[in-house]
Amino acid sequence: QVQLVESGGKLVQPGDSLRLSCAASVRVWTSTFSNYAMAWFRQAPGKERQFVAAIASNGGVMYYGDSVKGRCTISRDNAKNTVSLQIDSLKPEDTAVYYCAARWGAPLTTTEYSYWGQGTQVTVSS
């Protein structure tokens, strides 16, 4: 069992930057946070869940969705069991609930993750 809790979502203006965080609690025998690939997805009302970014268990590989490429940085701190998402130059179309996800093994850009957080709302509006 891996529990994920996102934080940092809020109302921001277009052009602002925002940093989201996800704290993980790993309760699986013989595994630790550093065994899991992590990812961020987002979902806007009436739309499918969309891949944002993913990072390998050791932080050595990162993937980004086309909609955020160049504006987004994913990072992790395995000592603190956290993963973060920095988004710059926010646009109204970035408005969504942002979800943190974890899976054992390689990072994926699809929703094939075993564990999900409850999400944090990001609203970009003037």
Foldseek 3Di string as FASTA:
>chain_A
DKAKAKDWADEAAAQAKTKIKIAIDDDDPPDAQLQKKKFKWWDDPPDDIFGAKIAHSNRPDMDGDPVQPPFKDWDDDRVRRMIMMMGGRDDQVVWTWMKMFIAGDGDDRDPPGDDIYPTGTHGYHD
